[in-house]
C-alpha atoms as a PDB file:
ATOM      1  CA  UNK A   1       3.643 -11.058 -25.647  1.00  0.00           C
ATOM      2  CA  UNK A   2       7.058 -11.628 -24.127  1.00  0.00           C
ATOM      3  CA  UNK A   3       8.743 -11.235 -27.523  1.00  0.00           C
ATOM      4  CA  UNK A   4       6.938  -7.912 -27.942  1.00  0.00           C
ATOM      5  CA  UNK A   5       8.163  -6.907 -24.505  1.00  0.00           C
ATOM      6  CA  UNK A   6      11.783  -7.606 -25.468  1.00  0.00           C
ATOM      7  CA  UNK A   7      11.512  -5.518 -28.634  1.00  0.00           C
ATOM      8  CA  UNK A   8      11.483  -2.363 -26.532  1.00  0.00           C
ATOM      9  CA  UNK A   9      15.226  -2.534 -25.946  1.00  0.00           C
ATOM     10  CA  UNK A  10      17.511  -2.944 -22.910  1.00  0.00           C
ATOM     11  CA  UNK A  11      15.369  -0.663 -20.741  1.00  0.00           C
ATOM     12  CA  UNK A  12      12.647  -3.308 -20.839  1.00  0.00           C
ATOM     13  CA  UNK A  13      14.506  -5.391 -18.265  1.00  0.00           C
ATOM     14  CA  UNK A  14      14.188  -2.704 -15.551  1.00  0.00           C
ATOM     15  CA  UNK A  15      10.534  -2.386 -16.542  1.00  0.00           C
ATOM     16  CA  UNK A  16      10.119  -6.135 -16.162  1.00  0.00           C
ATOM     17  CA  UNK A  17      11.679  -5.961 -12.692  1.00  0.00           C
ATOM     18  CA  UNK A  18       9.389  -3.100 -11.638  1.00  0.00           C
ATOM     19  CA  UNK A  19       6.342  -4.978 -12.893  1.00  0.00           C
ATOM     20  CA  UNK A  20       7.329  -8.080 -10.907  1.00  0.00           C
ATOM     21  CA  UNK A  21       7.918  -5.946  -7.813  1.00  0.00           C
ATOM     22  CA  UNK A  22       4.514  -4.299  -8.187  1.00  0.00           C
ATOM     23  CA  UNK A  23       2.840  -7.684  -8.643  1.00  0.00           C
ATOM     24  CA  UNK A  24       4.580  -9.088  -5.548  1.00  0.00           C
ATOM     25  CA  UNK A  25       3.615  -6.113  -3.381  1.00  0.00           C
ATOM     26  CA  UNK A  26      -0.019  -6.219  -4.521  1.00  0.00           C
ATOM     27  CA  UNK A  27      -0.332  -9.959  -3.833  1.00  0.00           C
ATOM     28  CA  UNK A  28       1.273  -9.609  -0.393  1.00  0.00           C
ATOM     29  CA  UNK A  29      -0.980  -6.663   0.497  1.00  0.00           C
ATOM     30  CA  UNK A  30      -4.136  -8.462  -0.629  1.00  0.00           C
ATOM     31  CA  UNK A  31      -3.188 -11.456   1.510  1.00  0.00           C
ATOM     32  CA  UNK A  32      -2.601  -9.087   4.428  1.00  0.00           C
ATOM     33  CA  UNK A  33      -6.041  -7.510   3.999  1.00  0.00           C
ATOM     34  CA  UNK A  34      -7.567 -10.984   3.793  1.00  0.00           C
ATOM     35  CA  UNK A  35      -5.963 -11.889   7.137  1.00  0.00           C
ATOM     36  CA  UNK A  36      -7.184  -8.595   8.599  1.00  0.00           C
ATOM     37  CA  UNK A  37     -10.724  -9.326   7.436  1.00  0.00           C
ATOM     38  CA  UNK A  38     -10.621 -12.773   9.050  1.00  0.00           C
ATOM     39  CA  UNK A  39      -9.380 -11.369  12.383  1.00  0.00           C
ATOM     40  CA  UNK A  40     -11.864  -8.469  12.409  1.00  0.00           C
ATOM     41  CA  UNK A  41     -14.009  -8.760  15.575  1.00  0.00           C
ATOM     42  CA  UNK A  42     -16.477  -5.896  16.052  1.00  0.00           C
ATOM     43  CA  UNK A  43     -18.173  -7.891  18.828  1.00  0.00           C
ATOM     44  CA  UNK A  44     -14.948  -7.863  20.839  1.00  0.00           C
ATOM     45  CA  UNK A  45     -14.591  -4.104  20.353  1.00  0.00           C
ATOM     46  CA  UNK A  46     -18.152  -3.558  21.595  1.00  0.00           C
ATOM     47  CA  UNK A  47     -17.495  -5.836  24.575  1.00  0.00           C
ATOM     48  CA  UNK A  48     -14.351  -3.880  25.497  1.00  0.00           C
ATOM     49  CA  UNK A  49     -16.137  -0.535  25.351  1.00  0.00           C
ATOM     50  CA  UNK A  50     -19.163  -1.917  27.206  1.00  0.00           C
ATOM     51  CA  UNK A  51     -17.010  -3.237  30.053  1.00  0.00           C
ATOM     52  CA  UNK A  52     -15.133   0.051  30.290  1.00  0.00           C
ATOM     53  CA  UNK A  53     -18.444   1.901  30.424  1.00  0.00           C
ATOM     54  CA  UNK A  54     -19.443  -0.188  33.436  1.00  0.00           C
ATOM     55  CA  UNK A  55     -16.049   0.249  35.066  1.00  0.00           C
ATOM     56  CA  UNK A  56     -14.825  -3.312  34.443  1.00  0.00           C
ATOM     57  CA  UNK A  57     -11.389  -2.407  33.054  1.00  0.00           C
ATOM     58  CA  UNK A  58      -9.771  -5.759  33.851  1.00  0.00           C
ATOM     59  CA  UNK A  59     -12.634  -7.650  32.236  1.00  0.00           C
ATOM     60  CA  UNK A  60     -12.361  -5.397  29.173  1.00  0.00           C
ATOM     61  CA  UNK A  61      -8.702  -6.358  28.818  1.00  0.00           C
ATOM     62  CA  UNK A  62      -9.539 -10.040  29.275  1.00  0.00           C
ATOM     63  CA  UNK A  63     -12.146  -9.834  26.499  1.00  0.00           C
ATOM     64  CA  UNK A  64      -9.392  -9.179  23.956  1.00  0.00           C
ATOM     65  CA  UNK A  65      -7.104 -12.020  25.008  1.00  0.00           C
ATOM     66  CA  UNK A  66      -6.028 -13.892  21.872  1.00  0.00           C
ATOM     67  CA  UNK A  67      -7.803 -11.399  19.623  1.00  0.00           C
ATOM     68  CA  UNK A  68      -5.802 -10.114  16.652  1.00  0.00           C
ATOM     69  CA  UNK A  69      -8.218  -7.382  15.589  1.00  0.00           C
ATOM     70  CA  UNK A  70      -6.208  -4.203  15.039  1.00  0.00           C
ATOM     71  CA  UNK A  71      -8.777  -1.929  16.708  1.00  0.00           C
ATOM     72  CA  UNK A  72      -9.102  -4.193  19.748  1.00  0.00           C
ATOM     73  CA  UNK A  73      -5.317  -4.465  20.000  1.00  0.00           C
ATOM     74  CA  UNK A  74      -5.033  -0.676  20.033  1.00  0.00           C
ATOM     75  CA  UNK A  75      -7.697  -0.281  22.723  1.00  0.00           C
ATOM     76  CA  UNK A  76      -6.190  -2.953  24.970  1.00  0.00           C
ATOM     77  CA  UNK A  77      -2.728  -1.422  24.681  1.00  0.00           C
ATOM     78  CA  UNK A  78      -4.181   1.918  25.704  1.00  0.00           C
ATOM     79  CA  UNK A  79      -5.988   0.369  28.680  1.00  0.00           C
ATOM     80  CA  UNK A  80      -2.927  -1.511  29.919  1.00  0.00           C
ATOM     81  CA  UNK A  81      -0.809   1.670  29.726  1.00  0.00           C
ATOM     82  CA  UNK A  82      -3.471   4.161  30.816  1.00  0.00           C
ATOM     83  CA  UNK A  83      -1.663   4.994  34.053  1.00  0.00           C
ATOM     84  CA  UNK A  84       1.216   6.593  32.143  1.00  0.00           C
ATOM     85  CA  UNK A  85      -0.637   8.485  29.418  1.00  0.00           C
ATOM     86  CA  UNK A  86      -3.719   7.078  27.733  1.00  0.00           C
ATOM     87  CA  UNK A  87      -3.570   9.346  24.682  1.00  0.00           C
ATOM     88  CA  UNK A  88       0.098   8.624  24.052  1.00  0.00           C
ATOM     89  CA  UNK A  89      -0.427   4.894  24.490  1.00  0.00           C
ATOM     90  CA  UNK A  90      -3.318   4.897  22.017  1.00  0.00           C
ATOM     91  CA  UNK A  91      -1.307   6.944  19.529  1.00  0.00           C
ATOM     92  CA  UNK A  92       1.657   4.607  19.818  1.00  0.00           C
ATOM     93  CA  UNK A  93      -0.479   1.489  19.351  1.00  0.00           C
ATOM     94  CA  UNK A  94      -2.338   3.088  16.430  1.00  0.00           C
ATOM     95  CA  UNK A  95       0.961   4.008  14.789  1.00  0.00           C
ATOM     96  CA  UNK A  96       2.150   0.409  14.994  1.00  0.00           C
ATOM     97  CA  UNK A  97      -1.083  -0.959  13.526  1.00  0.00           C
ATOM     98  CA  UNK A  98      -1.297   1.637  10.742  1.00  0.00           C
ATOM     99  CA  UNK A  99       2.311   0.990   9.813  1.00  0.00           C
ATOM    100  CA  UNK A 100       1.264  -2.565   8.951  1.00  0.00           C
ATOM    101  CA  UNK A 101      -1.360  -1.167   6.580  1.00  0.00           C
ATOM    102  CA  UNK A 102       1.054   1.242   4.878  1.00  0.00           C
ATOM    103  CA  UNK A 103       3.777  -1.338   4.258  1.00  0.00           C
ATOM    104  CA  UNK A 104       4.583  -1.589   0.547  1.00  0.00           C
ATOM    105  CA  UNK A 105       2.769   1.600  -0.445  1.00  0.00           C
ATOM    106  CA  UNK A 106       6.049   3.480  -0.889  1.00  0.00           C
ATOM    107  CA  UNK A 107       7.231   0.783  -3.291  1.00  0.00           C
ATOM    108  CA  UNK A 108       4.036   1.007  -5.350  1.00  0.00           C
ATOM    109  CA  UNK A 109       4.172   4.798  -5.349  1.00  0.00           C
ATOM    110  CA  UNK A 110       7.764   4.707  -6.599  1.00  0.00           C
ATOM    111  CA  UNK A 111       6.919   2.196  -9.327  1.00  0.00           C
ATOM    112  CA  UNK A 112       3.978   4.320 -10.509  1.00  0.00           C
ATOM    113  CA  UNK A 113       6.349   7.273 -10.863  1.00  0.00           C
ATOM    114  CA  UNK A 114       9.396   5.469 -12.248  1.00  0.00           C
ATOM    115  CA  UNK A 115       7.785   3.079 -14.753  1.00  0.00           C
ATOM    116  CA  UNK A 116       6.601   5.778 -17.215  1.00  0.00           C
ATOM    117  CA  UNK A 117       9.979   7.521 -16.938  1.00  0.00           C
ATOM    118  CA  UNK A 118      11.798   4.283 -17.728  1.00  0.00           C
ATOM    119  CA  UNK A 119       9.485   3.774 -20.681  1.00  0.00           C
ATOM    120  CA  UNK A 120      10.180   7.279 -21.914  1.00  0.00           C
ATOM    121  CA  UNK A 121      13.912   6.699 -21.517  1.00  0.00           C
ATOM    122  CA  UNK A 122      13.636   3.540 -23.598  1.00  0.00           C
ATOM    123  CA  UNK A 123      11.727   5.402 -26.290  1.00  0.00           C
ATOM    124  CA  UNK A 124      14.218   8.277 -26.436  1.00  0.00           C
ATOM    125  CA  UNK A 125      17.237   5.979 -26.644  1.00  0.00           C
ATOM    126  CA  UNK A 126      15.447   3.821 -29.221  1.00  0.00           C
ATOM    127  CA  UNK A 127      14.634   6.819 -31.399  1.00  0.00           C
ATOM    128  CA  UNK A 128      18.208   8.072 -31.125  1.00  0.00           C
ATOM    129  CA  UNK A 129      19.363   4.685 -32.408  1.00  0.00           C
ATOM    130  CA  UNK A 130      16.714   4.660 -35.174  1.00  0.00           C
ATOM    131  CA  UNK A 131      17.616   8.110 -36.439  1.00  0.00           C
ATOM    132  CA  UNK A 132      21.280   7.229 -36.177  1.00  0.00           C
ATOM    133  CA  UNK A 133      20.677   4.646 -38.879  1.00  0.00           C
ATOM    134  CA  UNK A 134      19.909   7.456 -41.334  1.00  0.00           C
ATOM    135  CA  UNK A 135      23.570   8.300 -41.601  1.00  0.00           C
ATOM    136  CA  UNK A 136      24.866   4.758 -41.804  1.00  0.00           C
ATOM    137  CA  UNK A 137      24.891   2.017 -44.365  1.00  0.00           C
ATOM    138  CA  UNK A 138      22.588  -0.097 -42.213  1.00  0.00           C
ATOM    139  CA  UNK A 139      19.554   1.709 -43.593  1.00  0.00           C
ATOM    140  CA  UNK A 140      18.421  -0.539 -46.446  1.00  0.00           C
ATOM    141  CA  UNK A 141      14.732   0.412 -46.682  1.00  0.00           C
ATOM    142  CA  UNK A 142      12.539   3.243 -45.338  1.00  0.00           C
ATOM    143  CA  UNK A 143      10.780   0.748 -43.076  1.00  0.00           C
ATOM    144  CA  UNK A 144      13.911   0.364 -40.967  1.00  0.00           C
ATOM    145  CA  UNK A 145      13.551   3.818 -39.448  1.00  0.00           C
ATOM    146  CA  UNK A 146       9.774   3.499 -38.900  1.00  0.00           C
ATOM    147  CA  UNK A 147      10.198   0.013 -37.472  1.00  0.00           C
ATOM    148  CA  UNK A 148      12.850   1.294 -35.088  1.00  0.00           C
ATOM    149  CA  UNK A 149      10.574   4.079 -33.867  1.00  0.00           C
ATOM    150  CA  UNK A 150       7.705   1.628 -33.428  1.00  0.00           C
ATOM    151  CA  UNK A 151       9.879  -0.638 -31.313  1.00  0.00           C
ATOM    152  CA  UNK A 152      11.063   2.336 -29.265  1.00  0.00           C
ATOM    153  CA  UNK A 153       7.462   3.310 -28.477  1.00  0.00           C
ATOM    154  CA  UNK A 154       6.862  -0.139 -26.996  1.00  0.00           C
ATOM    155  CA  UNK A 155       8.916   0.928 -23.977  1.00  0.00           C
ATOM    156  CA  UNK A 156       6.670   3.914 -23.276  1.00  0.00           C
ATOM    157  CA  UNK A 157       3.538   1.813 -23.753  1.00  0.00           C
ATOM    158  CA  UNK A 158       4.798  -0.809 -21.291  1.00  0.00           C
ATOM    159  CA  UNK A 159       5.876   1.824 -18.756  1.00  0.00           C
ATOM    160  CA  UNK A 160       2.475   3.499 -18.882  1.00  0.00           C
ATOM    161  CA  UNK A 161       0.686   0.137 -18.650  1.00  0.00           C
ATOM    162  CA  UNK A 162       2.653  -0.831 -15.538  1.00  0.00           C
ATOM    163  CA  UNK A 163       1.922   2.525 -13.881  1.00  0.00           C
ATOM    164  CA  UNK A 164      -1.791   2.422 -14.718  1.00  0.00           C
ATOM    165  CA  UNK A 165      -2.222  -1.163 -13.512  1.00  0.00           C
ATOM    166  CA  UNK A 166      -0.308  -0.441 -10.271  1.00  0.00           C
ATOM    167  CA  UNK A 167      -2.310   2.742  -9.638  1.00  0.00           C
ATOM    168  CA  UNK A 168      -5.586   0.870  -9.064  1.00  0.00           C
ATOM    169  CA  UNK A 169      -4.407  -1.309  -6.136  1.00  0.00           C
ATOM    170  CA  UNK A 170      -2.347   1.624  -4.811  1.00  0.00           C
ATOM    171  CA  UNK A 171      -5.472   3.773  -4.480  1.00  0.00           C
ATOM    172  CA  UNK A 172      -7.419   0.858  -3.002  1.00  0.00           C
ATOM    173  CA  UNK A 173      -4.715   0.194  -0.390  1.00  0.00           C
ATOM    174  CA  UNK A 174      -4.565   3.892   0.493  1.00  0.00           C
ATOM    175  CA  UNK A 175      -8.335   3.930   0.927  1.00  0.00           C
ATOM    176  CA  UNK A 176      -8.114   0.872   3.188  1.00  0.00           C
ATOM    177  CA  UNK A 177      -5.381   2.583   5.228  1.00  0.00           C
ATOM    178  CA  UNK A 178      -7.553   5.672   5.743  1.00  0.00           C
ATOM    179  CA  UNK A 179     -10.510   3.467   6.659  1.00  0.00           C
ATOM    180  CA  UNK A 180      -8.434   1.686   9.300  1.00  0.00           C
ATOM    181  CA  UNK A 181      -7.182   5.036  10.606  1.00  0.00           C
ATOM    182  CA  UNK A 182     -10.763   6.274  10.944  1.00  0.00           C
ATOM    183  CA  UNK A 183     -11.898   3.106  12.744  1.00  0.00           C
ATOM    184  CA  UNK A 184      -9.019   3.306  15.231  1.00  0.00           C
ATOM    185  CA  UNK A 185      -9.528   7.028  15.879  1.00  0.00           C
ATOM    186  CA  UNK A 186     -13.253   6.551  16.384  1.00  0.00           C
ATOM    187  CA  UNK A 187     -12.807   3.686  18.844  1.00  0.00           C
ATOM    188  CA  UNK A 188      -9.951   5.446  20.675  1.00  0.00           C
ATOM    189  CA  UNK A 189     -11.991   8.630  21.075  1.00  0.00           C
ATOM    190  CA  UNK A 190     -14.920   6.597  22.405  1.00  0.00           C
ATOM    191  CA  UNK A 191     -12.631   4.868  24.898  1.00  0.00           C
ATOM    192  CA  UNK A 192     -11.158   8.161  26.117  1.00  0.00           C
ATOM    193  CA  UNK A 193     -14.632   9.622  26.662  1.00  0.00           C
ATOM    194  CA  UNK A 194     -15.748   6.558  28.628  1.00  0.00           C
ATOM    195  CA  UNK A 195     -12.688   6.675  30.881  1.00  0.00           C
ATOM    196  CA  UNK A 196     -13.188  10.394  31.390  1.00  0.00           C
ATOM    197  CA  UNK A 197     -16.742   9.750  32.554  1.00  0.00           C
ATOM    198  CA  UNK A 198     -15.493   7.067  34.958  1.00  0.00           C
ATOM    199  CA  UNK A 199     -12.978   9.498  36.428  1.00  0.00           C
ATOM    200  CA  UNK A 200     -15.700  12.106  36.977  1.00  0.00           C
ATOM    201  CA  UNK A 201     -17.941   9.543  38.698  1.00  0.00           C
ATOM    202  CA  UNK A 202     -15.152   8.491  41.034  1.00  0.00           C
END
């Protein structure tokens, strides 16, 4: 497999680097999502909202002490900075949490775009070299030119394979980012409505 990879020409080394980068990003992101899943505490989120509903703001903040759930962290930050501007505090906390989810997506997006182009570049340069043999003494048999073209096409095949394989986790990570955004927005809206009701009662 590795020998086939090297037959694609010098451009295969950049392709190898992009594939390793994509693999590293995917592994790191999957580990991140695993940690997020472990720290997910819907019971804490319900307890925070329940305490706010009953006017126990301080107790709601205490409920999330030591909790690393991203939704709970956002709500607590909003509660502790509600005197300044609740909406702005929630937006700022949500931005910080969502930035953690989007880390590495730019790298994957770039690799998905660049890998096929690198493969195409390798194929074009390989075919230029293969056809260049037609006018030289190096062409001993007709199979030389066809073999050269076949080797050049390996670069495109590898570039497309890297892009296709990276596209699957990229879409999954984007979907997880949007899911986290929806969860935060839903909880933040609920919190704002509860605090608004408390203000009207007082």
